[in-house]
Structure formats: C-alpha cells, structure tokens
C-alpha cells in the first residue's frame, strides 16, 4: 500500500511536436476531398464547390443597389440628370 507514484515531466520539444501534429491534422481534415470510382481505380479529387447561398445573393444585390443609388445621387448633384 505504500507505492510511490512517479510523475514524469513532458519536455517542451514533445509538447510542441504534439501541438504541431494536432494543428497539421486539423488542417488536413478540413480539405474537401472526395473519392471517385473510375474504371482505372479510385481517384481522389479536391472539391472546387463555390456555393451561392440565398444570403450571399441578398448581400450582393443590396450592395449593387446601394452603389447604383449612390452613383445616381452623385450624378443628380452634378446636374447630369
């Protein structure tokens, strides 16, 4: 019952090594890779999806509308209309 617990200190080098491995694996996990079965075997390809969402379309339309309004207002002030 009188066992001594021996604690080991982890060196800085191993801590940074583990931290680097964790960051690298996190970055690799976020790459969108999709396997595709072909007659020659399985190919891995990186997805190039550019999703256009409803929110993105609204933001773009609002920005364009503001720009048109601003340019029209400036043109009226200059007497173009």
PDB file of N, CA and C in Angstrom:
ATOM      1  N   UNK A   1       0.805  -1.207   0.000  1.00  0.00           N
ATOM      2  CA  UNK A   1       0.000   0.000   0.000  1.00  0.00           C
ATOM      3  C   UNK A   1       0.844   1.266   0.000  1.00  0.00           C
ATOM      4  N   UNK A   2       2.097   1.125   0.169  1.00  0.00           N
ATOM      5  CA  UNK A   2       2.958   2.303   0.198  1.00  0.00           C
ATOM      6  C   UNK A   2       3.736   2.422  -1.112  1.00  0.00           C
ATOM      7  N   UNK A   3       2.997   2.509  -2.207  1.00  0.00           N
ATOM      8  CA  UNK A   3       3.638   2.671  -3.501  1.00  0.00           C
ATOM      9  C   UNK A   3       3.828   4.149  -3.805  1.00  0.00           C
ATOM     10  N   UNK A   4       4.959   4.459  -4.364  1.00  0.00           N
ATOM     11  CA  UNK A   4       5.210   5.836  -4.752  1.00  0.00           C
ATOM     12  C   UNK A   4       4.806   6.023  -6.213  1.00  0.00           C
ATOM     13  N   UNK A   5       4.096   7.091  -6.457  1.00  0.00           N
ATOM     14  CA  UNK A   5       3.701   7.411  -7.822  1.00  0.00           C
ATOM     15  C   UNK A   5       4.792   8.271  -8.431  1.00  0.00           C
ATOM     16  N   UNK A   6       5.325   7.812  -9.528  1.00  0.00           N
ATOM     17  CA  UNK A   6       6.393   8.544 -10.190  1.00  0.00           C
ATOM     18  C   UNK A   6       5.777   9.402 -11.301  1.00  0.00           C
ATOM     19  N   UNK A   7       5.955  10.695 -11.200  1.00  0.00           N
ATOM     20  CA  UNK A   7       5.414  11.587 -12.223  1.00  0.00           C
ATOM     21  C   UNK A   7       6.523  11.957 -13.198  1.00  0.00           C
ATOM     22  N   UNK A   8       6.162  11.947 -14.469  1.00  0.00           N
ATOM     23  CA  UNK A   8       7.131  12.299 -15.490  1.00  0.00           C
ATOM     24  C   UNK A   8       6.776  13.652 -16.077  1.00  0.00           C
ATOM     25  N   UNK A   9       7.773  14.435 -16.322  1.00  0.00           N
ATOM     26  CA  UNK A   9       7.580  15.746 -16.913  1.00  0.00           C
ATOM     27  C   UNK A   9       7.723  15.603 -18.427  1.00  0.00           C
ATOM     28  N   UNK A  10       6.777  16.179 -19.154  1.00  0.00           N
ATOM     29  CA  UNK A  10       6.835  16.146 -20.606  1.00  0.00           C
ATOM     30  C   UNK A  10       7.696  17.311 -21.070  1.00  0.00           C
ATOM     31  N   UNK A  11       8.644  17.010 -21.932  1.00  0.00           N
ATOM     32  CA  UNK A  11       9.563  18.050 -22.383  1.00  0.00           C
ATOM     33  C   UNK A  11       8.863  19.022 -23.335  1.00  0.00           C
ATOM     34  N   UNK A  12       9.427  20.202 -23.453  1.00  0.00           N
ATOM     35  CA  UNK A  12       8.873  21.211 -24.345  1.00  0.00           C
ATOM     36  C   UNK A  12       8.887  20.743 -25.792  1.00  0.00           C
ATOM     37  N   UNK A  13       9.935  20.051 -26.157  1.00  0.00           N
ATOM     38  CA  UNK A  13      10.068  19.580 -27.525  1.00  0.00           C
ATOM     39  C   UNK A  13       8.922  18.633 -27.884  1.00  0.00           C
ATOM     40  N   UNK A  14       8.582  17.732 -26.992  1.00  0.00           N
ATOM     41  CA  UNK A  14       7.493  16.798 -27.287  1.00  0.00           C
ATOM     42  C   UNK A  14       6.141  17.497 -27.255  1.00  0.00           C
ATOM     43  N   UNK A  15       5.982  18.505 -26.402  1.00  0.00           N
ATOM     44  CA  UNK A  15       4.726  19.263 -26.369  1.00  0.00           C
ATOM     45  C   UNK A  15       4.524  20.011 -27.678  1.00  0.00           C
ATOM     46  N   UNK A  16       5.566  20.674 -28.169  1.00  0.00           N
ATOM     47  CA  UNK A  16       5.460  21.401 -29.431  1.00  0.00           C
ATOM     48  C   UNK A  16       5.274  20.449 -30.608  1.00  0.00           C
ATOM     49  N   UNK A  17       5.904  19.278 -30.517  1.00  0.00           N
ATOM     50  CA  UNK A  17       5.724  18.285 -31.564  1.00  0.00           C
ATOM     51  C   UNK A  17       4.270  17.812 -31.614  1.00  0.00           C
ATOM     52  N   UNK A  18       3.693  17.521 -30.472  1.00  0.00           N
ATOM     53  CA  UNK A  18       2.289  17.103 -30.422  1.00  0.00           C
ATOM     54  C   UNK A  18       1.362  18.225 -30.871  1.00  0.00           C
ATOM     55  N   UNK A  19       1.672  19.443 -30.476  1.00  0.00           N
ATOM     56  CA  UNK A  19       0.864  20.587 -30.891  1.00  0.00           C
ATOM     57  C   UNK A  19       0.922  20.779 -32.410  1.00  0.00           C
ATOM     58  N   UNK A  20       2.099  20.636 -32.986  1.00  0.00           N
ATOM     59  CA  UNK A  20       2.243  20.742 -34.435  1.00  0.00           C
ATOM     60  C   UNK A  20       1.484  19.649 -35.156  1.00  0.00           C
ATOM     61  N   UNK A  21       1.554  18.439 -34.645  1.00  0.00           N
ATOM     62  CA  UNK A  21       0.799  17.341 -35.247  1.00  0.00           C
ATOM     63  C   UNK A  21      -0.700  17.594 -35.175  1.00  0.00           C
ATOM     64  N   UNK A  22      -1.169  18.128 -34.050  1.00  0.00           N
ATOM     65  CA  UNK A  22      -2.598  18.410 -33.902  1.00  0.00           C
ATOM     66  C   UNK A  22      -3.050  19.484 -34.886  1.00  0.00           C
ATOM     67  N   UNK A  23      -2.260  20.526 -35.052  1.00  0.00           N
ATOM     68  CA  UNK A  23      -2.615  21.605 -35.982  1.00  0.00           C
ATOM     69  C   UNK A  23      -2.581  21.096 -37.419  1.00  0.00           C
ATOM     70  N   UNK A  24      -1.560  20.326 -37.770  1.00  0.00           N
ATOM     71  CA  UNK A  24      -1.451  19.798 -39.130  1.00  0.00           C
ATOM     72  C   UNK A  24      -2.608  18.855 -39.442  1.00  0.00           C
ATOM     73  N   UNK A  25      -2.958  17.996 -38.504  1.00  0.00           N
ATOM     74  CA  UNK A  25      -4.065  17.071 -38.761  1.00  0.00           C
ATOM     75  C   UNK A  25      -5.391  17.826 -38.844  1.00  0.00           C
ATOM     76  N   UNK A  26      -5.533  18.902 -38.086  1.00  0.00           N
ATOM     77  CA  UNK A  26      -6.739  19.726 -38.178  1.00  0.00           C
ATOM     78  C   UNK A  26      -6.860  20.400 -39.531  1.00  0.00           C
ATOM     79  N   UNK A  27      -5.757  20.872 -40.068  1.00  0.00           N
ATOM     80  CA  UNK A  27      -5.781  21.496 -41.387  1.00  0.00           C
ATOM     81  C   UNK A  27      -6.071  20.480 -42.492  1.00  0.00           C
ATOM     82  N   UNK A  28      -5.479  19.311 -42.378  1.00  0.00           N
ATOM     83  CA  UNK A  28      -5.709  18.282 -43.394  1.00  0.00           C
ATOM     84  C   UNK A  28      -7.157  17.803 -43.343  1.00  0.00           C
ATOM     85  N   UNK A  29      -7.742  17.769 -42.158  1.00  0.00           N
ATOM     86  CA  UNK A  29      -9.124  17.287 -42.021  1.00  0.00           C
ATOM     87  C   UNK A  29     -10.132  18.238 -42.652  1.00  0.00           C
ATOM     88  N   UNK A  30      -9.769  19.503 -42.827  1.00  0.00           N
ATOM     89  CA  UNK A  30     -10.720  20.473 -43.381  1.00  0.00           C
ATOM     90  C   UNK A  30     -10.681  20.552 -44.908  1.00  0.00           C
ATOM     91  N   UNK A  31      -9.750  19.859 -45.552  1.00  0.00           N
ATOM     92  CA  UNK A  31      -9.663  19.890 -47.013  1.00  0.00           C
ATOM     93  C   UNK A  31     -10.786  19.031 -47.584  1.00  0.00           C
ATOM     94  N   UNK A  32     -11.606  19.583 -48.469  1.00  0.00           N
ATOM     95  CA  UNK A  32     -12.711  18.813 -49.027  1.00  0.00           C
ATOM     96  C   UNK A  32     -12.245  17.854 -50.126  1.00  0.00           C
ATOM     97  N   UNK A  33     -11.996  16.620 -49.758  1.00  0.00           N
ATOM     98  CA  UNK A  33     -11.534  15.608 -50.703  1.00  0.00           C
ATOM     99  C   UNK A  33     -12.654  14.597 -50.905  1.00  0.00           C
ATOM    100  N   UNK A  34     -12.912  14.256 -52.161  1.00  0.00           N
ATOM    101  CA  UNK A  34     -13.951  13.265 -52.436  1.00  0.00           C
ATOM    102  C   UNK A  34     -13.380  12.138 -53.285  1.00  0.00           C
ATOM    103  N   UNK A  35     -13.575  10.897 -52.838  1.00  0.00           N
ATOM    104  CA  UNK A  35     -13.125   9.771 -53.658  1.00  0.00           C
ATOM    105  C   UNK A  35     -14.122   9.497 -54.778  1.00  0.00           C
ATOM    106  N   UNK A  36     -13.606   9.203 -55.967  1.00  0.00           N
ATOM    107  CA  UNK A  36     -14.455   8.904 -57.110  1.00  0.00           C
ATOM    108  C   UNK A  36     -13.982   7.603 -57.741  1.00  0.00           C
ATOM    109  N   UNK A  37     -14.928   6.682 -57.935  1.00  0.00           N
ATOM    110  CA  UNK A  37     -14.603   5.389 -58.513  1.00  0.00           C
ATOM    111  C   UNK A  37     -14.582   5.523 -60.031  1.00  0.00           C
ATOM    112  N   UNK A  38     -13.475   5.143 -60.632  1.00  0.00           N
ATOM    113  CA  UNK A  38     -13.314   5.184 -62.079  1.00  0.00           C
ATOM    114  C   UNK A  38     -12.955   3.781 -62.561  1.00  0.00           C
ATOM    115  N   UNK A  39     -13.030   3.531 -63.856  1.00  0.00           N
ATOM    116  CA  UNK A  39     -12.642   2.204 -64.349  1.00  0.00           C
ATOM    117  C   UNK A  39     -11.194   1.839 -64.019  1.00  0.00           C
ATOM    118  N   UNK A  40     -10.346   2.817 -63.867  1.00  0.00           N
ATOM    119  CA  UNK A  40      -8.949   2.556 -63.552  1.00  0.00           C
ATOM    120  C   UNK A  40      -8.672   2.432 -62.072  1.00  0.00           C
ATOM    121  N   UNK A  41      -9.659   2.596 -61.229  1.00  0.00           N
ATOM    122  CA  UNK A  41      -9.463   2.523 -59.778  1.00  0.00           C
ATOM    123  C   UNK A  41     -10.199   3.649 -59.088  1.00  0.00           C
ATOM    124  N   UNK A  42      -9.677   4.029 -57.950  1.00  0.00           N
ATOM    125  CA  UNK A  42     -10.290   5.099 -57.164  1.00  0.00           C
ATOM    126  C   UNK A  42      -9.411   6.337 -57.259  1.00  0.00           C
ATOM    127  N   UNK A  43     -10.012   7.459 -57.610  1.00  0.00           N
ATOM    128  CA  UNK A  43      -9.295   8.728 -57.689  1.00  0.00           C
ATOM    129  C   UNK A  43      -9.766   9.643 -56.576  1.00  0.00           C
ATOM    130  N   UNK A  44      -8.842  10.380 -56.019  1.00  0.00           N
ATOM    131  CA  UNK A  44      -9.182  11.399 -55.029  1.00  0.00           C
ATOM    132  C   UNK A  44      -9.099  12.754 -55.702  1.00  0.00           C
ATOM    133  N   UNK A  45     -10.141  13.547 -55.546  1.00  0.00           N
ATOM    134  CA  UNK A  45     -10.115  14.883 -56.136  1.00  0.00           C
ATOM    135  C   UNK A  45     -10.561  15.898 -55.093  1.00  0.00           C
ATOM    136  N   UNK A  46      -9.981  17.069 -55.180  1.00  0.00           N
ATOM    137  CA  UNK A  46     -10.329  18.155 -54.271  1.00  0.00           C
ATOM    138  C   UNK A  46     -11.540  18.874 -54.841  1.00  0.00           C
ATOM    139  N   UNK A  47     -12.577  19.020 -54.029  1.00  0.00           N
ATOM    140  CA  UNK A  47     -13.800  19.678 -54.476  1.00  0.00           C
ATOM    141  C   UNK A  47     -13.551  21.174 -54.663  1.00  0.00           C
ATOM    142  N   UNK A  48     -14.115  21.731 -55.717  1.00  0.00           N
ATOM    143  CA  UNK A  48     -13.984  23.154 -56.012  1.00  0.00           C
ATOM    144  C   UNK A  48     -15.343  23.833 -55.929  1.00  0.00           C
ATOM    145  N   UNK A  49     -16.139  23.455 -54.974  1.00  0.00           N
ATOM    146  CA  UNK A  49     -17.502  23.971 -54.877  1.00  0.00           C
ATOM    147  C   UNK A  49     -17.490  25.442 -54.461  1.00  0.00           C
ATOM    148  N   UNK A  50     -18.263  26.238 -55.153  1.00  0.00           N
ATOM    149  CA  UNK A  50     -18.456  27.638 -54.820  1.00  0.00           C
ATOM    150  C   UNK A  50     -19.950  27.827 -54.588  1.00  0.00           C
ATOM    151  N   UNK A  51     -20.371  27.617 -53.380  1.00  0.00           N
ATOM    152  CA  UNK A  51     -21.788  27.663 -53.072  1.00  0.00           C
ATOM    153  C   UNK A  51     -22.301  29.096 -53.097  1.00  0.00           C
ATOM    154  N   UNK A  52     -23.412  29.293 -53.775  1.00  0.00           N
ATOM    155  CA  UNK A  52     -24.087  30.579 -53.776  1.00  0.00           C
ATOM    156  C   UNK A  52     -25.347  30.393 -52.957  1.00  0.00           C
ATOM    157  N   UNK A  53     -25.354  30.981 -51.795  1.00  0.00           N
ATOM    158  CA  UNK A  53     -26.490  30.820 -50.907  1.00  0.00           C
ATOM    159  C   UNK A  53     -27.449  31.992 -51.091  1.00  0.00           C
ATOM    160  N   UNK A  54     -28.624  31.834 -50.540  1.00  0.00           N
ATOM    161  CA  UNK A  54     -29.625  32.895 -50.607  1.00  0.00           C
ATOM    162  C   UNK A  54     -29.117  34.145 -49.916  1.00  0.00           C
ATOM    163  N   UNK A  55     -28.453  33.973 -48.775  1.00  0.00           N
ATOM    164  CA  UNK A  55     -27.916  35.122 -48.036  1.00  0.00           C
ATOM    165  C   UNK A  55     -26.877  35.856 -48.872  1.00  0.00           C
ATOM    166  N   UNK A  56     -25.997  35.108 -49.521  1.00  0.00           N
ATOM    167  CA  UNK A  56     -24.949  35.727 -50.326  1.00  0.00           C
ATOM    168  C   UNK A  56     -25.557  36.517 -51.483  1.00  0.00           C
ATOM    169  N   UNK A  57     -26.599  35.974 -52.099  1.00  0.00           N
ATOM    170  CA  UNK A  57     -27.259  36.676 -53.198  1.00  0.00           C
ATOM    171  C   UNK A  57     -27.912  37.963 -52.704  1.00  0.00           C
ATOM    172  N   UNK A  58     -28.521  37.915 -51.531  1.00  0.00           N
ATOM    173  CA  UNK A  58     -29.146  39.122 -50.968  1.00  0.00           C
ATOM    174  C   UNK A  58     -28.113  40.187 -50.673  1.00  0.00           C
ATOM    175  N   UNK A  59     -26.993  39.784 -50.088  1.00  0.00           N
ATOM    176  CA  UNK A  59     -25.942  40.741 -49.743  1.00  0.00           C
ATOM    177  C   UNK A  59     -25.392  41.398 -51.003  1.00  0.00           C
ATOM    178  N   UNK A  60     -25.155  40.595 -52.030  1.00  0.00           N
ATOM    179  CA  UNK A  60     -24.628  41.138 -53.283  1.00  0.00           C
ATOM    180  C   UNK A  60     -25.625  42.086 -53.936  1.00  0.00           C
ATOM    181  N   UNK A  61     -26.891  41.697 -53.954  1.00  0.00           N
ATOM    182  CA  UNK A  61     -27.917  42.559 -54.557  1.00  0.00           C
ATOM    183  C   UNK A  61     -28.041  43.869 -53.792  1.00  0.00           C
ATOM    184  N   UNK A  62     -27.981  43.806 -52.484  1.00  0.00           N
ATOM    185  CA  UNK A  62     -28.084  45.024 -51.672  1.00  0.00           C
ATOM    186  C   UNK A  62     -26.897  45.936 -51.926  1.00  0.00           C
ATOM    187  N   UNK A  63     -25.704  45.352 -52.052  1.00  0.00           N
ATOM    188  CA  UNK A  63     -24.519  46.160 -52.309  1.00  0.00           C
ATOM    189  C   UNK A  63     -24.617  46.840 -53.671  1.00  0.00           C
ATOM    190  N   UNK A  64     -25.082  46.104 -54.679  1.00  0.00           N
ATOM    191  CA  UNK A  64     -25.231  46.676 -56.023  1.00  0.00           C
ATOM    192  C   UNK A  64     -26.271  47.798 -56.006  1.00  0.00           C
ATOM    193  N   UNK A  65     -27.378  47.567 -55.312  1.00  0.00           N
ATOM    194  CA  UNK A  65     -28.419  48.603 -55.231  1.00  0.00           C
ATOM    195  C   UNK A  65     -27.903  49.866 -54.553  1.00  0.00           C
ATOM    196  N   UNK A  66     -27.134  49.693 -53.483  1.00  0.00           N
ATOM    197  CA  UNK A  66     -26.574  50.874 -52.800  1.00  0.00           C
ATOM    198  C   UNK A  66     -25.626  51.620 -53.716  1.00  0.00           C
ATOM    199  N   UNK A  67     -24.831  50.888 -54.469  1.00  0.00           N
ATOM    200  CA  UNK A  67     -23.874  51.513 -55.371  1.00  0.00           C
ATOM    201  C   UNK A  67     -24.593  52.299 -56.467  1.00  0.00           C
ATOM    202  N   UNK A  68     -25.649  51.705 -57.050  1.00  0.00           N
ATOM    203  CA  UNK A  68     -26.411  52.390 -58.093  1.00  0.00           C
ATOM    204  C   UNK A  68     -27.060  53.645 -57.528  1.00  0.00           C
ATOM    205  N   UNK A  69     -27.635  53.549 -56.330  1.00  0.00           N
ATOM    206  CA  UNK A  69     -28.273  54.708 -55.697  1.00  0.00           C
ATOM    207  C   UNK A  69     -27.252  55.809 -55.466  1.00  0.00           C
ATOM    208  N   UNK A  70     -26.079  55.435 -54.988  1.00  0.00           N
ATOM    209  CA  UNK A  70     -25.031  56.408 -54.702  1.00  0.00           C
ATOM    210  C   UNK A  70     -24.562  57.097 -55.976  1.00  0.00           C
ATOM    211  N   UNK A  71     -24.360  56.331 -57.039  1.00  0.00           N
ATOM    212  CA  UNK A  71     -23.913  56.929 -58.294  1.00  0.00           C
ATOM    213  C   UNK A  71     -24.989  57.842 -58.891  1.00  0.00           C
ATOM    214  N   UNK A  72     -26.255  57.446 -58.787  1.00  0.00           N
ATOM    215  CA  UNK A  72     -27.346  58.283 -59.293  1.00  0.00           C
ATOM    216  C   UNK A  72     -27.428  59.586 -58.509  1.00  0.00           C
ATOM    217  N   UNK A  73     -27.305  59.495 -57.202  1.00  0.00           N
ATOM    218  CA  UNK A  73     -27.365  60.686 -56.355  1.00  0.00           C
ATOM    219  C   UNK A  73     -26.239  61.653 -56.705  1.00  0.00           C
ATOM    220  N   UNK A  74     -25.043  61.118 -56.934  1.00  0.00           N
ATOM    221  CA  UNK A  74     -23.914  61.978 -57.304  1.00  0.00           C
ATOM    222  C   UNK A  74     -24.145  62.621 -58.665  1.00  0.00           C
ATOM    223  N   UNK A  75     -24.706  61.848 -59.604  1.00  0.00           N
ATOM    224  CA  UNK A  75     -24.944  62.380 -60.939  1.00  0.00           C
ATOM    225  C   UNK A  75     -25.985  63.493 -60.886  1.00  0.00           C
ATOM    226  N   UNK A  76     -27.008  63.350 -60.051  1.00  0.00           N
ATOM    227  CA  UNK A  76     -28.041  64.397 -59.923  1.00  0.00           C
ATOM    228  C   UNK A  76     -27.428  65.646 -59.334  1.00  0.00           C
ATOM    229  N   UNK A  77     -26.557  65.491 -58.342  1.00  0.00           N
ATOM    230  CA  UNK A  77     -25.908  66.653 -57.731  1.00  0.00           C
ATOM    231  C   UNK A  77     -25.035  67.393 -58.737  1.00  0.00           C
ATOM    232  N   UNK A  78     -24.424  66.658 -59.653  1.00  0.00           N
ATOM    233  CA  UNK A  78     -23.566  67.284 -60.659  1.00  0.00           C
ATOM    234  C   UNK A  78     -24.359  67.861 -61.816  1.00  0.00           C
ATOM    235  N   UNK A  79     -25.656  67.577 -61.859  1.00  0.00           N
ATOM    236  CA  UNK A  79     -26.504  68.131 -62.910  1.00  0.00           C
ATOM    237  C   UNK A  79     -26.552  67.298 -64.160  1.00  0.00           C
ATOM    238  N   UNK A  80     -26.222  66.017 -64.052  1.00  0.00           N
ATOM    239  CA  UNK A  80     -26.238  65.163 -65.233  1.00  0.00           C
ATOM    240  C   UNK A  80     -27.662  64.782 -65.613  1.00  0.00           C
ATOM    241  N   UNK A  81     -28.583  64.827 -64.662  1.00  0.00           N
ATOM    242  CA  UNK A  81     -29.971  64.453 -64.958  1.00  0.00           C
ATOM    243  C   UNK A  81     -30.873  65.653 -64.902  1.00  0.00           C
TER     244      UNK A  81
END
